Amino acid sequence: MHKFNNRLAASGEAELLYSGGDYLVRKPGAFVRCAVTDKPIRLESLRYWSVEHQEAYATPEAALEAEIRRRQAGA
């Protein structure tokens, strides 16, 4: 999991590049938004994301909902 240093934390929304098991901070910030719920997720709490779709999810249920929506849309 990505190490997060609170002393260096910026405020506002971060931009991340997600990879398997880790992520790269492209724009510093304190949080990202869940692709399903639009709720902020603090970087130190971020556990779920899609490398393929470059999206963050607040919960495993949100990740599943995103996949269901993509399949229903034919994506």
PDB file of N, CA and C in Angstrom:
ATOM      1  N   MET A   1       0.845  -1.168   0.000  1.00  0.00           N
ATOM      2  CA  MET A   1       0.000   0.000   0.000  1.00  0.00           C
ATOM      3  C   MET A   1       0.890   1.230   0.000  1.00  0.00           C
ATOM      4  N   HIS A   2       0.440   2.270  -0.614  1.00  0.00           N
ATOM      5  CA  HIS A   2       1.198   3.503  -0.733  1.00  0.00           C
ATOM      6  C   HIS A   2       1.388   4.154   0.631  1.00  0.00           C
ATOM      7  N   LYS A   3       2.583   4.522   0.943  1.00  0.00           N
ATOM      8  CA  LYS A   3       2.865   5.231   2.190  1.00  0.00           C
ATOM      9  C   LYS A   3       2.386   6.671   2.049  1.00  0.00           C
ATOM     10  N   PHE A   4       1.758   7.158   3.093  1.00  0.00           N
ATOM     11  CA  PHE A   4       1.223   8.515   3.047  1.00  0.00           C
ATOM     12  C   PHE A   4       1.756   9.280   4.236  1.00  0.00           C
ATOM     13  N   ASN A   5       2.380  10.400   4.007  1.00  0.00           N
ATOM     14  CA  ASN A   5       2.970  11.209   5.060  1.00  0.00           C
ATOM     15  C   ASN A   5       2.074  12.405   5.327  1.00  0.00           C
ATOM     16  N   ASN A   6       1.404  12.426   6.481  1.00  0.00           N
ATOM     17  CA  ASN A   6       0.480  13.508   6.805  1.00  0.00           C
ATOM     18  C   ASN A   6       1.162  14.865   6.875  1.00  0.00           C
ATOM     19  N   ARG A   7       2.437  14.894   7.230  1.00  0.00           N
ATOM     20  CA  ARG A   7       3.131  16.177   7.308  1.00  0.00           C
ATOM     21  C   ARG A   7       3.259  16.825   5.934  1.00  0.00           C
ATOM     22  N   LEU A   8       3.235  16.032   4.897  1.00  0.00           N
ATOM     23  CA  LEU A   8       3.369  16.562   3.546  1.00  0.00           C
ATOM     24  C   LEU A   8       2.032  16.648   2.824  1.00  0.00           C
ATOM     25  N   ALA A   9       0.959  16.323   3.529  1.00  0.00           N
ATOM     26  CA  ALA A   9      -0.364  16.283   2.895  1.00  0.00           C
ATOM     27  C   ALA A   9      -0.788  17.667   2.437  1.00  0.00           C
ATOM     28  N   ALA A  10      -1.285  17.720   1.233  1.00  0.00           N
ATOM     29  CA  ALA A  10      -1.856  18.948   0.711  1.00  0.00           C
ATOM     30  C   ALA A  10      -3.356  18.900   0.961  1.00  0.00           C
ATOM     31  N   SER A  11      -3.986  20.037   0.889  1.00  0.00           N
ATOM     32  CA  SER A  11      -5.439  20.040   1.020  1.00  0.00           C
ATOM     33  C   SER A  11      -6.043  19.933  -0.373  1.00  0.00           C
ATOM     34  N   GLY A  12      -7.315  19.621  -0.436  1.00  0.00           N
ATOM     35  CA  GLY A  12      -8.003  19.527  -1.711  1.00  0.00           C
ATOM     36  C   GLY A  12      -7.917  18.144  -2.308  1.00  0.00           C
ATOM     37  N   GLU A  13      -8.435  18.036  -3.528  1.00  0.00           N
ATOM     38  CA  GLU A  13      -8.527  16.744  -4.205  1.00  0.00           C
ATOM     39  C   GLU A  13      -7.219  16.395  -4.906  1.00  0.00           C
ATOM     40  N   ALA A  14      -6.772  15.174  -4.714  1.00  0.00           N
ATOM     41  CA  ALA A  14      -5.555  14.674  -5.349  1.00  0.00           C
ATOM     42  C   ALA A  14      -5.895  14.049  -6.696  1.00  0.00           C
ATOM     43  N   GLU A  15      -4.893  13.924  -7.545  1.00  0.00           N
ATOM     44  CA  GLU A  15      -5.009  13.158  -8.784  1.00  0.00           C
ATOM     45  C   GLU A  15      -3.987  12.038  -8.700  1.00  0.00           C
ATOM     46  N   LEU A  16      -4.461  10.808  -8.898  1.00  0.00           N
ATOM     47  CA  LEU A  16      -3.599   9.641  -8.761  1.00  0.00           C
ATOM     48  C   LEU A  16      -3.551   8.838 -10.047  1.00  0.00           C
ATOM     49  N   LEU A  17      -2.457   8.120 -10.229  1.00  0.00           N
ATOM     50  CA  LEU A  17      -2.321   7.127 -11.291  1.00  0.00           C
ATOM     51  C   LEU A  17      -2.287   5.778 -10.582  1.00  0.00           C
ATOM     52  N   TYR A  18      -3.328   4.977 -10.784  1.00  0.00           N
ATOM     53  CA  TYR A  18      -3.475   3.709 -10.066  1.00  0.00           C
ATOM     54  C   TYR A  18      -2.745   2.590 -10.789  1.00  0.00           C
ATOM     55  N   SER A  19      -2.049   1.771 -10.018  1.00  0.00           N
ATOM     56  CA  SER A  19      -1.424   0.564 -10.548  1.00  0.00           C
ATOM     57  C   SER A  19      -1.745  -0.578  -9.591  1.00  0.00           C
ATOM     58  N   GLY A  20      -1.333  -1.773  -9.927  1.00  0.00           N
ATOM     59  CA  GLY A  20      -1.633  -2.925  -9.088  1.00  0.00           C
ATOM     60  C   GLY A  20      -0.970  -2.810  -7.722  1.00  0.00           C
ATOM     61  N   GLY A  21      -1.768  -2.667  -6.673  1.00  0.00           N
ATOM     62  CA  GLY A  21      -1.252  -2.628  -5.315  1.00  0.00           C
ATOM     63  C   GLY A  21      -0.691  -1.305  -4.849  1.00  0.00           C
ATOM     64  N   ASP A  22      -0.664  -0.297  -5.692  1.00  0.00           N
ATOM     65  CA  ASP A  22      -0.094   0.991  -5.313  1.00  0.00           C
ATOM     66  C   ASP A  22      -0.642   2.073  -6.230  1.00  0.00           C
ATOM     67  N   TYR A  23      -0.262   3.298  -5.961  1.00  0.00           N
ATOM     68  CA  TYR A  23      -0.640   4.407  -6.829  1.00  0.00           C
ATOM     69  C   TYR A  23       0.444   5.474  -6.798  1.00  0.00           C
ATOM     70  N   LEU A  24       0.461   6.292  -7.817  1.00  0.00           N
ATOM     71  CA  LEU A  24       1.396   7.397  -7.943  1.00  0.00           C
ATOM     72  C   LEU A  24       0.607   8.685  -7.825  1.00  0.00           C
ATOM     73  N   VAL A  25       1.085   9.604  -7.012  1.00  0.00           N
ATOM     74  CA  VAL A  25       0.417  10.890  -6.843  1.00  0.00           C
ATOM     75  C   VAL A  25       0.835  11.803  -7.989  1.00  0.00           C
ATOM     76  N   ARG A  26      -0.128  12.158  -8.837  1.00  0.00           N
ATOM     77  CA  ARG A  26       0.140  13.062  -9.964  1.00  0.00           C
ATOM     78  C   ARG A  26      -0.059  14.511  -9.549  1.00  0.00           C
ATOM     79  N   LYS A  27      -1.046  14.741  -8.673  1.00  0.00           N
ATOM     80  CA  LYS A  27      -1.306  16.072  -8.125  1.00  0.00           C
ATOM     81  C   LYS A  27      -1.563  15.889  -6.638  1.00  0.00           C
ATOM     82  N   PRO A  28      -0.756  16.488  -5.774  1.00  0.00           N
ATOM     83  CA  PRO A  28      -0.943  16.311  -4.338  1.00  0.00           C
ATOM     84  C   PRO A  28      -2.318  16.782  -3.870  1.00  0.00           C
ATOM     85  N   GLY A  29      -2.820  16.112  -2.890  1.00  0.00           N
ATOM     86  CA  GLY A  29      -4.093  16.464  -2.284  1.00  0.00           C
ATOM     87  C   GLY A  29      -4.359  15.564  -1.102  1.00  0.00           C
ATOM     88  N   ALA A  30      -5.438  15.821  -0.398  1.00  0.00           N
ATOM     89  CA  ALA A  30      -5.772  15.066   0.804  1.00  0.00           C
ATOM     90  C   ALA A  30      -6.716  13.910   0.526  1.00  0.00           C
ATOM     91  N   PHE A  31      -7.418  13.951  -0.617  1.00  0.00           N
ATOM     92  CA  PHE A  31      -8.438  12.939  -0.883  1.00  0.00           C
ATOM     93  C   PHE A  31      -8.655  12.767  -2.376  1.00  0.00           C
ATOM     94  N   VAL A  32      -9.339  11.671  -2.727  1.00  0.00           N
ATOM     95  CA  VAL A  32      -9.884  11.450  -4.069  1.00  0.00           C
ATOM     96  C   VAL A  32     -11.371  11.188  -3.893  1.00  0.00           C
ATOM     97  N   ARG A  33     -12.116  11.177  -4.979  1.00  0.00           N
ATOM     98  CA  ARG A  33     -13.560  10.934  -4.890  1.00  0.00           C
ATOM     99  C   ARG A  33     -13.901   9.533  -5.381  1.00  0.00           C
ATOM    100  N   CYS A  34     -14.860   8.922  -4.702  1.00  0.00           N
ATOM    101  CA  CYS A  34     -15.360   7.615  -5.116  1.00  0.00           C
ATOM    102  C   CYS A  34     -16.079   7.777  -6.450  1.00  0.00           C
ATOM    103  N   ALA A  35     -15.763   6.928  -7.406  1.00  0.00           N
ATOM    104  CA  ALA A  35     -16.365   7.001  -8.745  1.00  0.00           C
ATOM    105  C   ALA A  35     -17.850   6.680  -8.729  1.00  0.00           C
ATOM    106  N   VAL A  36     -18.331   6.004  -7.705  1.00  0.00           N
ATOM    107  CA  VAL A  36     -19.739   5.612  -7.629  1.00  0.00           C
ATOM    108  C   VAL A  36     -20.539   6.573  -6.756  1.00  0.00           C
ATOM    109  N   THR A  37     -20.031   6.867  -5.570  1.00  0.00           N
ATOM    110  CA  THR A  37     -20.788   7.678  -4.604  1.00  0.00           C
ATOM    111  C   THR A  37     -20.418   9.151  -4.625  1.00  0.00           C
ATOM    112  N   ASP A  38     -19.295   9.498  -5.217  1.00  0.00           N
ATOM    113  CA  ASP A  38     -18.739  10.849  -5.249  1.00  0.00           C
ATOM    114  C   ASP A  38     -18.308  11.340  -3.865  1.00  0.00           C
ATOM    115  N   LYS A  39     -18.267  10.449  -2.890  1.00  0.00           N
ATOM    116  CA  LYS A  39     -17.818  10.823  -1.549  1.00  0.00           C
ATOM    117  C   LYS A  39     -16.300  10.920  -1.529  1.00  0.00           C
ATOM    118  N   PRO A  40     -15.756  11.864  -0.755  1.00  0.00           N
ATOM    119  CA  PRO A  40     -14.299  11.956  -0.651  1.00  0.00           C
ATOM    120  C   PRO A  40     -13.725  10.766   0.113  1.00  0.00           C
ATOM    121  N   ILE A  41     -12.562  10.313  -0.334  1.00  0.00           N
ATOM    122  CA  ILE A  41     -11.833   9.226   0.322  1.00  0.00           C
ATOM    123  C   ILE A  41     -10.454   9.779   0.663  1.00  0.00           C
ATOM    124  N   ARG A  42     -10.146   9.874   1.940  1.00  0.00           N
ATOM    125  CA  ARG A  42      -8.814  10.344   2.339  1.00  0.00           C
ATOM    126  C   ARG A  42      -7.773   9.348   1.825  1.00  0.00           C
ATOM    127  N   LEU A  43      -6.638   9.848   1.379  1.00  0.00           N
ATOM    128  CA  LEU A  43      -5.629   8.970   0.782  1.00  0.00           C
ATOM    129  C   LEU A  43      -5.175   7.876   1.741  1.00  0.00           C
ATOM    130  N   GLU A  44      -5.082   8.182   3.023  1.00  0.00           N
ATOM    131  CA  GLU A  44      -4.650   7.157   3.969  1.00  0.00           C
ATOM    132  C   GLU A  44      -5.702   6.063   4.163  1.00  0.00           C
ATOM    133  N   SER A  45      -6.934   6.302   3.704  1.00  0.00           N
ATOM    134  CA  SER A  45      -8.012   5.306   3.800  1.00  0.00           C
ATOM    135  C   SER A  45      -8.295   4.607   2.475  1.00  0.00           C
ATOM    136  N   LEU A  46      -7.642   5.026   1.409  1.00  0.00           N
ATOM    137  CA  LEU A  46      -7.908   4.470   0.080  1.00  0.00           C
ATOM    138  C   LEU A  46      -7.422   3.025  -0.013  1.00  0.00           C
ATOM    139  N   ARG A  47      -8.345   2.105  -0.296  1.00  0.00           N
ATOM    140  CA  ARG A  47      -8.018   0.685  -0.387  1.00  0.00           C
ATOM    141  C   ARG A  47      -8.492   0.038  -1.684  1.00  0.00           C
ATOM    142  N   TYR A  48      -9.439   0.659  -2.365  1.00  0.00           N
ATOM    143  CA  TYR A  48     -10.080   0.025  -3.524  1.00  0.00           C
ATOM    144  C   TYR A  48     -10.016   0.950  -4.732  1.00  0.00           C
ATOM    145  N   TRP A  49      -9.528   0.399  -5.857  1.00  0.00           N
ATOM    146  CA  TRP A  49      -9.488   1.160  -7.099  1.00  0.00           C
ATOM    147  C   TRP A  49      -9.392   0.210  -8.277  1.00  0.00           C
ATOM    148  N   SER A  50      -9.653   0.766  -9.454  1.00  0.00           N
ATOM    149  CA  SER A  50      -9.534   0.008 -10.696  1.00  0.00           C
ATOM    150  C   SER A  50      -8.352   0.546 -11.486  1.00  0.00           C
ATOM    151  N   VAL A  51      -7.398  -0.325 -11.758  1.00  0.00           N
ATOM    152  CA  VAL A  51      -6.269   0.058 -12.604  1.00  0.00           C
ATOM    153  C   VAL A  51      -6.768   0.296 -14.025  1.00  0.00           C
ATOM    154  N   GLU A  52      -7.610  -0.603 -14.519  1.00  0.00           N
ATOM    155  CA  GLU A  52      -8.123  -0.514 -15.887  1.00  0.00           C
ATOM    156  C   GLU A  52      -8.907   0.770 -16.123  1.00  0.00           C
ATOM    157  N   HIS A  53      -9.740   1.152 -15.170  1.00  0.00           N
ATOM    158  CA  HIS A  53     -10.610   2.318 -15.357  1.00  0.00           C
ATOM    159  C   HIS A  53     -10.098   3.565 -14.646  1.00  0.00           C
ATOM    160  N   GLN A  54      -8.998   3.435 -13.910  1.00  0.00           N
ATOM    161  CA  GLN A  54      -8.384   4.551 -13.194  1.00  0.00           C
ATOM    162  C   GLN A  54      -9.423   5.291 -12.340  1.00  0.00           C
ATOM    163  N   GLU A  55     -10.111   4.508 -11.494  1.00  0.00           N
ATOM    164  CA  GLU A  55     -11.144   5.037 -10.607  1.00  0.00           C
ATOM    165  C   GLU A  55     -10.894   4.548  -9.186  1.00  0.00           C
ATOM    166  N   ALA A  56     -11.276   5.373  -8.226  1.00  0.00           N
ATOM    167  CA  ALA A  56     -11.217   5.000  -6.812  1.00  0.00           C
ATOM    168  C   ALA A  56     -12.614   4.656  -6.322  1.00  0.00           C
ATOM    169  N   TYR A  57     -12.670   3.780  -5.318  1.00  0.00           N
ATOM    170  CA  TYR A  57     -13.949   3.371  -4.732  1.00  0.00           C
ATOM    171  C   TYR A  57     -13.850   3.430  -3.217  1.00  0.00           C
ATOM    172  N   ALA A  58     -14.909   3.898  -2.582  1.00  0.00           N
ATOM    173  CA  ALA A  58     -14.926   4.034  -1.129  1.00  0.00           C
ATOM    174  C   ALA A  58     -15.024   2.686  -0.423  1.00  0.00           C
ATOM    175  N   THR A  59     -15.688   1.729  -1.047  1.00  0.00           N
ATOM    176  CA  THR A  59     -15.928   0.422  -0.425  1.00  0.00           C
ATOM    177  C   THR A  59     -15.860  -0.669  -1.492  1.00  0.00           C
ATOM    178  N   PRO A  60     -15.744  -1.922  -1.081  1.00  0.00           N
ATOM    179  CA  PRO A  60     -15.802  -3.001  -2.072  1.00  0.00           C
ATOM    180  C   PRO A  60     -17.164  -3.054  -2.761  1.00  0.00           C
ATOM    181  N   GLU A  61     -18.214  -2.678  -2.037  1.00  0.00           N
ATOM    182  CA  GLU A  61     -19.551  -2.645  -2.639  1.00  0.00           C
ATOM    183  C   GLU A  61     -19.628  -1.608  -3.756  1.00  0.00           C
ATOM    184  N   ALA A  62     -18.964  -0.473  -3.571  1.00  0.00           N
ATOM    185  CA  ALA A  62     -18.934   0.556  -4.615  1.00  0.00           C
ATOM    186  C   ALA A  62     -18.170   0.053  -5.841  1.00  0.00           C
ATOM    187  N   ALA A  63     -17.084  -0.680  -5.623  1.00  0.00           N
ATOM    188  CA  ALA A  63     -16.326  -1.252  -6.742  1.00  0.00           C
ATOM    189  C   ALA A  63     -17.188  -2.246  -7.518  1.00  0.00           C
ATOM    190  N   LEU A  64     -17.942  -3.064  -6.800  1.00  0.00           N
ATOM    191  CA  LEU A  64     -18.840  -4.018  -7.449  1.00  0.00           C
ATOM    192  C   LEU A  64     -19.935  -3.291  -8.217  1.00  0.00           C
ATOM    193  N   GLU A  65     -20.496  -2.249  -7.637  1.00  0.00           N
ATOM    194  CA  GLU A  65     -21.541  -1.464  -8.311  1.00  0.00           C
ATOM    195  C   GLU A  65     -21.006  -0.855  -9.606  1.00  0.00           C
ATOM    196  N   ALA A  66     -19.779  -0.360  -9.598  1.00  0.00           N
ATOM    197  CA  ALA A  66     -19.181   0.200 -10.813  1.00  0.00           C
ATOM    198  C   ALA A  66     -19.075  -0.864 -11.898  1.00  0.00           C
ATOM    199  N   GLU A  67     -18.667  -2.068 -11.523  1.00  0.00           N
ATOM    200  CA  GLU A  67     -18.548  -3.161 -12.496  1.00  0.00           C
ATOM    201  C   GLU A  67     -19.915  -3.558 -13.040  1.00  0.00           C
ATOM    202  N   ILE A  68     -20.913  -3.629 -12.183  1.00  0.00           N
ATOM    203  CA  ILE A  68     -22.275  -3.956 -12.626  1.00  0.00           C
ATOM    204  C   ILE A  68     -22.775  -2.914 -13.616  1.00  0.00           C
ATOM    205  N   ARG A  69     -22.558  -1.646 -13.312  1.00  0.00           N
ATOM    206  CA  ARG A  69     -22.992  -0.562 -14.213  1.00  0.00           C
ATOM    207  C   ARG A  69     -22.297  -0.659 -15.566  1.00  0.00           C
ATOM    208  N   ARG A  70     -20.988  -0.959 -15.553  1.00  0.00           N
ATOM    209  CA  ARG A  70     -20.253  -1.081 -16.822  1.00  0.00           C
ATOM    210  C   ARG A  70     -20.803  -2.230 -17.655  1.00  0.00           C
ATOM    211  N   ARG A  71     -21.073  -3.347 -17.017  1.00  0.00           N
ATOM    212  CA  ARG A  71     -21.605  -4.510 -17.751  1.00  0.00           C
ATOM    213  C   ARG A  71     -22.990  -4.223 -18.306  1.00  0.00           C
ATOM    214  N   GLN A  72     -23.821  -3.533 -17.544  1.00  0.00           N
ATOM    215  CA  GLN A  72     -25.162  -3.196 -18.016  1.00  0.00           C
ATOM    216  C   GLN A  72     -25.107  -2.209 -19.177  1.00  0.00           C
ATOM    217  N   ALA A  73     -24.092  -1.351 -19.170  1.00  0.00           N
ATOM    218  CA  ALA A  73     -23.923  -0.375 -20.246  1.00  0.00           C
ATOM    219  C   ALA A  73     -23.214  -0.984 -21.453  1.00  0.00           C
ATOM    220  N   GLY A  74     -22.706  -2.204 -21.292  1.00  0.00           N
ATOM    221  CA  GLY A  74     -22.013  -2.865 -22.393  1.00  0.00           C
ATOM    222  C   GLY A  74     -20.584  -2.425 -22.559  1.00  0.00           C
ATOM    223  N   ALA A  75     -20.024  -1.816 -21.525  1.00  0.00           N
ATOM    224  CA  ALA A  75     -18.641  -1.330 -21.601  1.00  0.00           C
ATOM    225  C   ALA A  75     -17.652  -2.441 -21.375  1.00  0.00           C
TER     226      ALA A  75
END
